[in-house]
PDB file of all heavy atoms in Angstrom:
ATOM      1  N   TYR A   1       7.889  -0.118  -5.679  1.00  0.00           N
ATOM      2  CA  TYR A   1       8.031   1.053  -4.833  1.00  0.00           C
ATOM      3  C   TYR A   1       8.436   0.681  -3.413  1.00  0.00           C
ATOM      4  O   TYR A   1       8.025  -0.338  -2.860  1.00  0.00           O
ATOM      5  CB  TYR A   1       6.678   1.794  -4.719  1.00  0.00           C
ATOM      6  CG  TYR A   1       6.321   2.602  -5.942  1.00  0.00           C
ATOM      7  CD1 TYR A   1       5.514   2.085  -6.933  1.00  0.00           C
ATOM      8  CD2 TYR A   1       6.769   3.919  -6.096  1.00  0.00           C
ATOM      9  CE1 TYR A   1       5.127   2.826  -8.039  1.00  0.00           C
ATOM     10  CE2 TYR A   1       6.397   4.673  -7.204  1.00  0.00           C
ATOM     11  CZ  TYR A   1       5.598   4.110  -8.180  1.00  0.00           C
ATOM     12  OH  TYR A   1       5.233   4.873  -9.272  1.00  0.00           O
ATOM     13  N   VAL A   2       9.245   1.570  -2.802  1.00  0.00           N
ATOM     14  CA  VAL A   2       9.471   1.590  -1.380  1.00  0.00           C
ATOM     15  C   VAL A   2       8.560   2.728  -0.889  1.00  0.00           C
ATOM     16  O   VAL A   2       8.709   3.866  -1.308  1.00  0.00           O
ATOM     17  CB  VAL A   2      10.929   1.848  -1.001  1.00  0.00           C
ATOM     18  CG1 VAL A   2      11.064   1.966   0.544  1.00  0.00           C
ATOM     19  CG2 VAL A   2      11.816   0.735  -1.529  1.00  0.00           C
ATOM     20  N   GLU A   3       7.640   2.408  -0.002  1.00  0.00           N
ATOM     21  CA  GLU A   3       6.542   3.326   0.292  1.00  0.00           C
ATOM     22  C   GLU A   3       6.470   3.642   1.790  1.00  0.00           C
ATOM     23  O   GLU A   3       6.685   2.760   2.628  1.00  0.00           O
ATOM     24  CB  GLU A   3       5.238   2.699  -0.183  1.00  0.00           C
ATOM     25  CG  GLU A   3       4.094   3.699  -0.382  1.00  0.00           C
ATOM     26  CD  GLU A   3       3.010   3.077  -1.223  1.00  0.00           C
ATOM     27  OE1 GLU A   3       2.147   2.382  -0.669  1.00  0.00           O
ATOM     28  OE2 GLU A   3       3.037   3.252  -2.460  1.00  0.00           O
ATOM     29  N   LEU A   4       6.134   4.907   2.088  1.00  0.00           N
ATOM     30  CA  LEU A   4       5.998   5.338   3.474  1.00  0.00           C
ATOM     31  C   LEU A   4       4.624   6.017   3.663  1.00  0.00           C
ATOM     32  O   LEU A   4       4.465   7.193   3.368  1.00  0.00           O
ATOM     33  CB  LEU A   4       7.098   6.333   3.844  1.00  0.00           C
ATOM     34  CG  LEU A   4       7.025   6.944   5.260  1.00  0.00           C
ATOM     35  CD1 LEU A   4       7.207   5.851   6.322  1.00  0.00           C
ATOM     36  CD2 LEU A   4       8.077   8.035   5.417  1.00  0.00           C
ATOM     37  N   PRO A   5       3.601   5.252   4.133  1.00  0.00           N
ATOM     38  CA  PRO A   5       2.366   5.895   4.526  1.00  0.00           C
ATOM     39  C   PRO A   5       2.447   6.384   5.975  1.00  0.00           C
ATOM     40  O   PRO A   5       3.081   5.738   6.800  1.00  0.00           O
ATOM     41  CB  PRO A   5       1.324   4.742   4.396  1.00  0.00           C
ATOM     42  CG  PRO A   5       2.078   3.551   3.893  1.00  0.00           C
ATOM     43  CD  PRO A   5       3.524   3.808   4.139  1.00  0.00           C
ATOM     44  N   VAL A   6       1.791   7.474   6.244  1.00  0.00           N
ATOM     45  CA  VAL A   6       1.636   7.983   7.622  1.00  0.00           C
ATOM     46  C   VAL A   6       0.171   8.239   7.838  1.00  0.00           C
ATOM     47  O   VAL A   6      -0.395   9.197   7.302  1.00  0.00           O
ATOM     48  CB  VAL A   6       2.465   9.250   7.871  1.00  0.00           C
ATOM     49  CG1 VAL A   6       2.292   9.728   9.308  1.00  0.00           C
ATOM     50  CG2 VAL A   6       3.944   9.019   7.595  1.00  0.00           C
ATOM     51  N   LEU A   7      -0.479   7.368   8.621  1.00  0.00           N
ATOM     52  CA  LEU A   7      -1.935   7.341   8.677  1.00  0.00           C
ATOM     53  C   LEU A   7      -2.454   7.651  10.076  1.00  0.00           C
ATOM     54  O   LEU A   7      -1.849   7.245  11.076  1.00  0.00           O
ATOM     55  CB  LEU A   7      -2.459   5.940   8.278  1.00  0.00           C
ATOM     56  CG  LEU A   7      -1.934   5.418   6.925  1.00  0.00           C
ATOM     57  CD1 LEU A   7      -2.384   3.985   6.724  1.00  0.00           C
ATOM     58  CD2 LEU A   7      -2.407   6.304   5.787  1.00  0.00           C
ATOM     59  N   ALA A   8      -3.559   8.365  10.113  1.00  0.00           N
ATOM     60  CA  ALA A   8      -4.308   8.502  11.382  1.00  0.00           C
ATOM     61  C   ALA A   8      -5.221   7.292  11.510  1.00  0.00           C
ATOM     62  O   ALA A   8      -5.895   6.916  10.564  1.00  0.00           O
ATOM     63  CB  ALA A   8      -5.124   9.795  11.343  1.00  0.00           C
ATOM     64  N   VAL A   9      -5.190   6.666  12.681  1.00  0.00           N
ATOM     65  CA  VAL A   9      -6.030   5.500  12.949  1.00  0.00           C
ATOM     66  C   VAL A   9      -7.097   5.937  13.958  1.00  0.00           C
ATOM     67  O   VAL A   9      -6.781   6.265  15.106  1.00  0.00           O
ATOM     68  CB  VAL A   9      -5.200   4.322  13.518  1.00  0.00           C
ATOM     69  CG1 VAL A   9      -6.090   3.123  13.818  1.00  0.00           C
ATOM     70  CG2 VAL A   9      -4.098   3.942  12.531  1.00  0.00           C
ATOM     71  N   ILE A  10      -8.332   5.990  13.489  1.00  0.00           N
ATOM     72  CA  ILE A  10      -9.453   6.502  14.285  1.00  0.00           C
ATOM     73  C   ILE A  10     -10.355   5.352  14.661  1.00  0.00           C
ATOM     74  O   ILE A  10     -10.846   4.625  13.775  1.00  0.00           O
ATOM     75  CB  ILE A  10     -10.222   7.558  13.501  1.00  0.00           C
ATOM     76  CG1 ILE A  10      -9.276   8.679  13.064  1.00  0.00           C
ATOM     77  CG2 ILE A  10     -11.374   8.118  14.335  1.00  0.00           C
ATOM     78  CD1 ILE A  10      -9.872   9.583  12.019  1.00  0.00           C
ATOM     79  N   ASN A  11     -10.588   5.181  15.938  1.00  0.00           N
ATOM     80  CA  ASN A  11     -11.382   4.043  16.412  1.00  0.00           C
ATOM     81  C   ASN A  11     -12.855   4.290  16.126  1.00  0.00           C
ATOM     82  O   ASN A  11     -13.447   5.307  16.504  1.00  0.00           O
ATOM     83  CB  ASN A  11     -11.164   3.886  17.933  1.00  0.00           C
ATOM     84  CG  ASN A  11     -11.694   2.562  18.399  1.00  0.00           C
ATOM     85  OD1 ASN A  11     -11.672   1.582  17.643  1.00  0.00           O
ATOM     86  ND2 ASN A  11     -12.124   2.493  19.634  1.00  0.00           N
ATOM     87  N   LEU A  12     -13.492   3.320  15.449  1.00  0.00           N
ATOM     88  CA  LEU A  12     -14.938   3.394  15.178  1.00  0.00           C
ATOM     89  C   LEU A  12     -15.745   2.519  16.125  1.00  0.00           C
ATOM     90  O   LEU A  12     -16.907   2.793  16.405  1.00  0.00           O
ATOM     91  CB  LEU A  12     -15.217   2.947  13.744  1.00  0.00           C
ATOM     92  CG  LEU A  12     -14.554   3.740  12.629  1.00  0.00           C
ATOM     93  CD1 LEU A  12     -14.891   3.138  11.284  1.00  0.00           C
ATOM     94  CD2 LEU A  12     -14.954   5.217  12.684  1.00  0.00           C
ATOM     95  N   ALA A  13     -15.124   1.440  16.611  1.00  0.00           N
ATOM     96  CA  ALA A  13     -15.713   0.548  17.587  1.00  0.00           C
ATOM     97  C   ALA A  13     -14.550  -0.060  18.346  1.00  0.00           C
ATOM     98  O   ALA A  13     -13.405   0.340  18.149  1.00  0.00           O
ATOM     99  CB  ALA A  13     -16.554  -0.521  16.913  1.00  0.00           C
ATOM    100  N   ARG A  14     -14.825  -1.037  19.234  1.00  0.00           N
ATOM    101  CA  ARG A  14     -13.772  -1.515  20.101  1.00  0.00           C
ATOM    102  C   ARG A  14     -12.549  -2.026  19.307  1.00  0.00           C
ATOM    103  O   ARG A  14     -11.424  -1.765  19.647  1.00  0.00           O
ATOM    104  CB  ARG A  14     -14.293  -2.635  21.010  1.00  0.00           C
ATOM    105  CG  ARG A  14     -13.203  -3.223  21.875  1.00  0.00           C
ATOM    106  CD  ARG A  14     -13.779  -3.998  23.024  1.00  0.00           C
ATOM    107  NE  ARG A  14     -12.724  -4.513  23.871  1.00  0.00           N
ATOM    108  CZ  ARG A  14     -12.923  -5.068  25.051  1.00  0.00           C
ATOM    109  NH1 ARG A  14     -14.165  -5.161  25.497  1.00  0.00           N
ATOM    110  NH2 ARG A  14     -11.926  -5.516  25.769  1.00  0.00           N
ATOM    111  N   ASN A  15     -12.771  -2.778  18.249  1.00  0.00           N
ATOM    112  CA  ASN A  15     -11.669  -3.343  17.464  1.00  0.00           C
ATOM    113  C   ASN A  15     -11.602  -2.854  16.036  1.00  0.00           C
ATOM    114  O   ASN A  15     -10.710  -3.235  15.290  1.00  0.00           O
ATOM    115  CB  ASN A  15     -11.752  -4.885  17.489  1.00  0.00           C
ATOM    116  CG  ASN A  15     -11.604  -5.478  18.852  1.00  0.00           C
ATOM    117  OD1 ASN A  15     -10.721  -5.096  19.608  1.00  0.00           O
ATOM    118  ND2 ASN A  15     -12.502  -6.388  19.217  1.00  0.00           N
ATOM    119  N   LEU A  16     -12.559  -2.067  15.640  1.00  0.00           N
ATOM    120  CA  LEU A  16     -12.668  -1.592  14.255  1.00  0.00           C
ATOM    121  C   LEU A  16     -12.172  -0.154  14.143  1.00  0.00           C
ATOM    122  O   LEU A  16     -12.584   0.712  14.927  1.00  0.00           O
ATOM    123  CB  LEU A  16     -14.124  -1.694  13.758  1.00  0.00           C
ATOM    124  CG  LEU A  16     -14.358  -1.255  12.309  1.00  0.00           C
ATOM    125  CD1 LEU A  16     -13.673  -2.236  11.342  1.00  0.00           C
ATOM    126  CD2 LEU A  16     -15.859  -1.206  12.059  1.00  0.00           C
ATOM    127  N   ASN A  17     -11.280   0.113  13.194  1.00  0.00           N
ATOM    128  CA  ASN A  17     -10.756   1.440  13.046  1.00  0.00           C
ATOM    129  C   ASN A  17     -10.650   1.900  11.599  1.00  0.00           C
ATOM    130  O   ASN A  17     -10.575   1.085  10.678  1.00  0.00           O
ATOM    131  CB  ASN A  17      -9.400   1.574  13.740  1.00  0.00           C
ATOM    132  CG  ASN A  17      -8.475   0.420  13.483  1.00  0.00           C
ATOM    133  OD1 ASN A  17      -8.061   0.211  12.348  1.00  0.00           O
ATOM    134  ND2 ASN A  17      -8.165  -0.368  14.504  1.00  0.00           N
ATOM    135  N   LEU A  18     -10.682   3.189  11.434  1.00  0.00           N
ATOM    136  CA  LEU A  18     -10.558   3.839  10.145  1.00  0.00           C
ATOM    137  C   LEU A  18      -9.123   4.346   9.978  1.00  0.00           C
ATOM    138  O   LEU A  18      -8.572   4.956  10.882  1.00  0.00           O
ATOM    139  CB  LEU A  18     -11.539   5.022  10.069  1.00  0.00           C
ATOM    140  CG  LEU A  18     -11.429   5.957   8.849  1.00  0.00           C
ATOM    141  CD1 LEU A  18     -11.866   5.223   7.591  1.00  0.00           C
ATOM    142  CD2 LEU A  18     -12.249   7.198   9.066  1.00  0.00           C
ATOM    143  N   HIS A  19      -8.540   4.090   8.799  1.00  0.00           N
ATOM    144  CA  HIS A  19      -7.198   4.571   8.465  1.00  0.00           C
ATOM    145  C   HIS A  19      -7.296   5.631   7.392  1.00  0.00           C
ATOM    146  O   HIS A  19      -7.937   5.386   6.361  1.00  0.00           O
ATOM    147  CB  HIS A  19      -6.321   3.431   7.944  1.00  0.00           C
ATOM    148  CG  HIS A  19      -6.080   2.343   8.934  1.00  0.00           C
ATOM    149  ND1 HIS A  19      -5.201   1.294   8.665  1.00  0.00           N
ATOM    150  CD2 HIS A  19      -6.557   2.110  10.166  1.00  0.00           C
ATOM    151  CE1 HIS A  19      -5.194   0.488   9.733  1.00  0.00           C
ATOM    152  NE2 HIS A  19      -6.008   0.945  10.629  1.00  0.00           N
ATOM    153  N   VAL A  20      -6.656   6.752   7.550  1.00  0.00           N
ATOM    154  CA  VAL A  20      -6.659   7.776   6.528  1.00  0.00           C
ATOM    155  C   VAL A  20      -5.424   8.649   6.657  1.00  0.00           C
ATOM    156  O   VAL A  20      -4.963   8.938   7.757  1.00  0.00           O
ATOM    157  CB  VAL A  20      -7.947   8.669   6.642  1.00  0.00           C
ATOM    158  CG1 VAL A  20      -8.012   9.372   7.997  1.00  0.00           C
ATOM    159  CG2 VAL A  20      -8.054   9.646   5.492  1.00  0.00           C
ATOM    160  N   GLY A  21      -4.829   8.990   5.503  1.00  0.00           N
ATOM    161  CA  GLY A  21      -3.629   9.809   5.533  1.00  0.00           C
ATOM    162  C   GLY A  21      -2.890   9.768   4.216  1.00  0.00           C
ATOM    163  O   GLY A  21      -3.278   9.103   3.263  1.00  0.00           O
ATOM    164  N   PRO A  22      -1.750  10.467   4.136  1.00  0.00           N
ATOM    165  CA  PRO A  22      -0.960  10.518   2.897  1.00  0.00           C
ATOM    166  C   PRO A  22       0.085   9.411   2.863  1.00  0.00           C
ATOM    167  O   PRO A  22       0.396   8.773   3.833  1.00  0.00           O
ATOM    168  CB  PRO A  22      -0.288  11.894   2.985  1.00  0.00           C
ATOM    169  CG  PRO A  22      -0.066  12.052   4.465  1.00  0.00           C
ATOM    170  CD  PRO A  22      -1.272  11.406   5.150  1.00  0.00           C
ATOM    171  N   TYR A  23       0.616   9.203   1.673  1.00  0.00           N
ATOM    172  CA  TYR A  23       1.777   8.316   1.519  1.00  0.00           C
ATOM    173  C   TYR A  23       2.738   8.935   0.496  1.00  0.00           C
ATOM    174  O   TYR A  23       2.329   9.744  -0.350  1.00  0.00           O
ATOM    175  CB  TYR A  23       1.362   6.927   1.055  1.00  0.00           C
ATOM    176  CG  TYR A  23       0.964   6.798  -0.375  1.00  0.00           C
ATOM    177  CD1 TYR A  23       1.913   6.610  -1.392  1.00  0.00           C
ATOM    178  CD2 TYR A  23      -0.381   6.857  -0.751  1.00  0.00           C
ATOM    179  CE1 TYR A  23       1.551   6.516  -2.724  1.00  0.00           C
ATOM    180  CE2 TYR A  23      -0.750   6.753  -2.096  1.00  0.00           C
ATOM    181  CZ  TYR A  23       0.211   6.568  -3.074  1.00  0.00           C
ATOM    182  OH  TYR A  23      -0.151   6.501  -4.403  1.00  0.00           O
ATOM    183  N   VAL A  24       3.992   8.571   0.609  1.00  0.00           N
ATOM    184  CA  VAL A  24       4.975   8.919  -0.397  1.00  0.00           C
ATOM    185  C   VAL A  24       5.731   7.635  -0.786  1.00  0.00           C
ATOM    186  O   VAL A  24       6.027   6.802   0.088  1.00  0.00           O
ATOM    187  CB  VAL A  24       5.962   9.994   0.150  1.00  0.00           C
ATOM    188  CG1 VAL A  24       6.692   9.533   1.378  1.00  0.00           C
ATOM    189  CG2 VAL A  24       6.968  10.408  -0.950  1.00  0.00           C
ATOM    190  N   GLY A  25       5.984   7.450  -2.070  1.00  0.00           N
ATOM    191  CA  GLY A  25       6.670   6.252  -2.534  1.00  0.00           C
ATOM    192  C   GLY A  25       7.889   6.578  -3.379  1.00  0.00           C
ATOM    193  O   GLY A  25       7.913   7.621  -4.074  1.00  0.00           O
ATOM    194  N   PHE A  26       8.891   5.760  -3.295  1.00  0.00           N
ATOM    195  CA  PHE A  26      10.098   5.927  -4.094  1.00  0.00           C
ATOM    196  C   PHE A  26      10.180   4.747  -5.067  1.00  0.00           C
ATOM    197  O   PHE A  26      10.163   3.583  -4.647  1.00  0.00           O
ATOM    198  CB  PHE A  26      11.349   5.955  -3.196  1.00  0.00           C
ATOM    199  CG  PHE A  26      12.658   6.028  -3.960  1.00  0.00           C
ATOM    200  CD1 PHE A  26      13.077   7.238  -4.505  1.00  0.00           C
ATOM    201  CD2 PHE A  26      13.419   4.898  -4.136  1.00  0.00           C
ATOM    202  CE1 PHE A  26      14.261   7.300  -5.209  1.00  0.00           C
ATOM    203  CE2 PHE A  26      14.618   4.956  -4.832  1.00  0.00           C
ATOM    204  CZ  PHE A  26      15.047   6.175  -5.368  1.00  0.00           C
ATOM    205  N   LEU A  27      10.276   5.048  -6.361  1.00  0.00           N
ATOM    206  CA  LEU A  27      10.306   4.017  -7.383  1.00  0.00           C
ATOM    207  C   LEU A  27      11.695   3.404  -7.471  1.00  0.00           C
ATOM    208  O   LEU A  27      12.687   4.067  -7.843  1.00  0.00           O
ATOM    209  CB  LEU A  27       9.928   4.631  -8.747  1.00  0.00           C
ATOM    210  CG  LEU A  27       9.823   3.656  -9.915  1.00  0.00           C
ATOM    211  CD1 LEU A  27       8.760   2.568  -9.673  1.00  0.00           C
ATOM    212  CD2 LEU A  27       9.538   4.400 -11.217  1.00  0.00           C
ATOM    213  N   ALA A  28      11.805   2.118  -7.114  1.00  0.00           N
ATOM    214  CA  ALA A  28      13.103   1.447  -7.081  1.00  0.00           C
ATOM    215  C   ALA A  28      13.397   0.661  -8.360  1.00  0.00           C
ATOM    216  O   ALA A  28      14.564   0.401  -8.652  1.00  0.00           O
ATOM    217  CB  ALA A  28      13.167   0.501  -5.867  1.00  0.00           C
ATOM    218  N   GLY A  29      12.373   0.288  -9.098  1.00  0.00           N
ATOM    219  CA  GLY A  29      12.614  -0.500 -10.308  1.00  0.00           C
ATOM    220  C   GLY A  29      11.345  -0.611 -11.152  1.00  0.00           C
ATOM    221  O   GLY A  29      10.230  -0.505 -10.658  1.00  0.00           O
ATOM    222  N   VAL A  30      11.551  -0.862 -12.467  1.00  0.00           N
ATOM    223  CA  VAL A  30      10.457  -1.016 -13.411  1.00  0.00           C
ATOM    224  C   VAL A  30      10.818  -2.123 -14.380  1.00  0.00           C
ATOM    225  O   VAL A  30      11.931  -2.160 -14.906  1.00  0.00           O
ATOM    226  CB  VAL A  30      10.191   0.257 -14.210  1.00  0.00           C
ATOM    227  CG1 VAL A  30       8.954   0.122 -15.105  1.00  0.00           C
ATOM    228  CG2 VAL A  30      10.055   1.500 -13.315  1.00  0.00           C
ATOM    229  N   ASN A  31       9.893  -3.052 -14.600  1.00  0.00           N
ATOM    230  CA  ASN A  31      10.137  -4.085 -15.607  1.00  0.00           C
ATOM    231  C   ASN A  31       8.825  -4.548 -16.217  1.00  0.00           C
ATOM    232  O   ASN A  31       7.740  -4.265 -15.727  1.00  0.00           O
ATOM    233  CB  ASN A  31      10.950  -5.236 -15.056  1.00  0.00           C
ATOM    234  CG  ASN A  31      10.185  -6.035 -13.995  1.00  0.00           C
ATOM    235  OD1 ASN A  31       9.096  -5.703 -13.607  1.00  0.00           O
ATOM    236  ND2 ASN A  31      10.788  -7.100 -13.505  1.00  0.00           N
ATOM    237  N   ILE A  32       8.951  -5.290 -17.303  1.00  0.00           N
ATOM    238  CA  ILE A  32       7.815  -5.873 -17.984  1.00  0.00           C
ATOM    239  C   ILE A  32       8.047  -7.401 -18.015  1.00  0.00           C
ATOM    240  O   ILE A  32       9.103  -7.853 -18.394  1.00  0.00           O
ATOM    241  CB  ILE A  32       7.662  -5.378 -19.423  1.00  0.00           C
ATOM    242  CG1 ILE A  32       7.405  -3.853 -19.414  1.00  0.00           C
ATOM    243  CG2 ILE A  32       6.509  -6.063 -20.143  1.00  0.00           C
ATOM    244  CD1 ILE A  32       7.370  -3.218 -20.797  1.00  0.00           C
ATOM    245  N   THR A  33       7.052  -8.131 -17.578  1.00  0.00           N
ATOM    246  CA  THR A  33       7.136  -9.602 -17.571  1.00  0.00           C
ATOM    247  C   THR A  33       5.978 -10.184 -18.387  1.00  0.00           C
ATOM    248  O   THR A  33       4.972  -9.535 -18.631  1.00  0.00           O
ATOM    249  CB  THR A  33       7.101 -10.183 -16.144  1.00  0.00           C
ATOM    250  OG1 THR A  33       5.910  -9.748 -15.504  1.00  0.00           O
ATOM    251  CG2 THR A  33       8.320  -9.741 -15.351  1.00  0.00           C
ATOM    252  N   ASP A  34       6.191 -11.421 -18.825  1.00  0.00           N
ATOM    253  CA  ASP A  34       5.195 -12.154 -19.575  1.00  0.00           C
ATOM    254  C   ASP A  34       4.784 -13.357 -18.740  1.00  0.00           C
ATOM    255  O   ASP A  34       5.603 -14.272 -18.517  1.00  0.00           O
ATOM    256  CB  ASP A  34       5.764 -12.594 -20.923  1.00  0.00           C
ATOM    257  CG  ASP A  34       4.749 -13.354 -21.774  1.00  0.00           C
ATOM    258  OD1 ASP A  34       3.572 -13.412 -21.370  1.00  0.00           O
ATOM    259  OD2 ASP A  34       5.149 -13.882 -22.821  1.00  0.00           O
ATOM    260  N   MET A  35       3.545 -13.373 -18.263  1.00  0.00           N
ATOM    261  CA  MET A  35       3.030 -14.543 -17.525  1.00  0.00           C
ATOM    262  C   MET A  35       2.275 -15.414 -18.485  1.00  0.00           C
ATOM    263  O   MET A  35       1.198 -15.081 -18.972  1.00  0.00           O
ATOM    264  CB  MET A  35       2.122 -14.097 -16.391  1.00  0.00           C
ATOM    265  CG  MET A  35       1.672 -15.248 -15.524  1.00  0.00           C
ATOM    266  SD  MET A  35       0.835 -14.691 -14.017  1.00  0.00           S
ATOM    267  CE  MET A  35       0.529 -16.266 -13.223  1.00  0.00           C
ATOM    268  N   ASN A  36       2.887 -16.586 -18.802  1.00  0.00           N
ATOM    269  CA  ASN A  36       2.294 -17.477 -19.762  1.00  0.00           C
ATOM    270  C   ASN A  36       1.072 -18.214 -19.198  1.00  0.00           C
ATOM    271  O   ASN A  36       0.860 -18.265 -17.993  1.00  0.00           O
ATOM    272  CB  ASN A  36       3.339 -18.499 -20.227  1.00  0.00           C
ATOM    273  CG  ASN A  36       4.548 -17.828 -20.837  1.00  0.00           C
ATOM    274  OD1 ASN A  36       4.434 -17.026 -21.750  1.00  0.00           O
ATOM    275  ND2 ASN A  36       5.726 -18.146 -20.323  1.00  0.00           N
ATOM    276  N   ASN A  37       0.303 -18.778 -20.071  1.00  0.00           N
ATOM    277  CA  ASN A  37      -0.913 -19.465 -19.684  1.00  0.00           C
ATOM    278  C   ASN A  37      -0.629 -20.698 -18.818  1.00  0.00           C
ATOM    279  O   ASN A  37      -1.488 -21.144 -18.058  1.00  0.00           O
ATOM    280  CB  ASN A  37      -1.709 -19.875 -20.934  1.00  0.00           C
ATOM    281  CG  ASN A  37      -3.155 -20.174 -20.604  1.00  0.00           C
ATOM    282  OD1 ASN A  37      -3.770 -19.505 -19.784  1.00  0.00           O
ATOM    283  ND2 ASN A  37      -3.710 -21.221 -21.231  1.00  0.00           N
ATOM    284  N   ASP A  38       0.608 -21.235 -18.913  1.00  0.00           N
ATOM    285  CA  ASP A  38       0.956 -22.403 -18.113  1.00  0.00           C
ATOM    286  C   ASP A  38       1.492 -22.061 -16.725  1.00  0.00           C
ATOM    287  O   ASP A  38       1.917 -22.895 -15.962  1.00  0.00           O
ATOM    288  CB  ASP A  38       1.995 -23.285 -18.854  1.00  0.00           C
ATOM    289  CG  ASP A  38       3.274 -22.526 -19.142  1.00  0.00           C
ATOM    290  OD1 ASP A  38       3.395 -21.351 -18.705  1.00  0.00           O
ATOM    291  OD2 ASP A  38       4.162 -23.100 -19.803  1.00  0.00           O
ATOM    292  N   GLY A  39       1.523 -20.738 -16.396  1.00  0.00           N
ATOM    293  CA  GLY A  39       1.933 -20.274 -15.095  1.00  0.00           C
ATOM    294  C   GLY A  39       3.375 -19.831 -14.984  1.00  0.00           C
ATOM    295  O   GLY A  39       3.777 -19.284 -13.982  1.00  0.00           O
TER     296      GLY A  39
END
């Protein structure tokens, strides 16, 4: 996906903040892969 979140950042403490909001994503590709046990 190519994704666009737009979030409100609300300060909870001096350096700590809460993120909340919507996102929209555009599906650019789909595939199936096989990850073998040897990596």
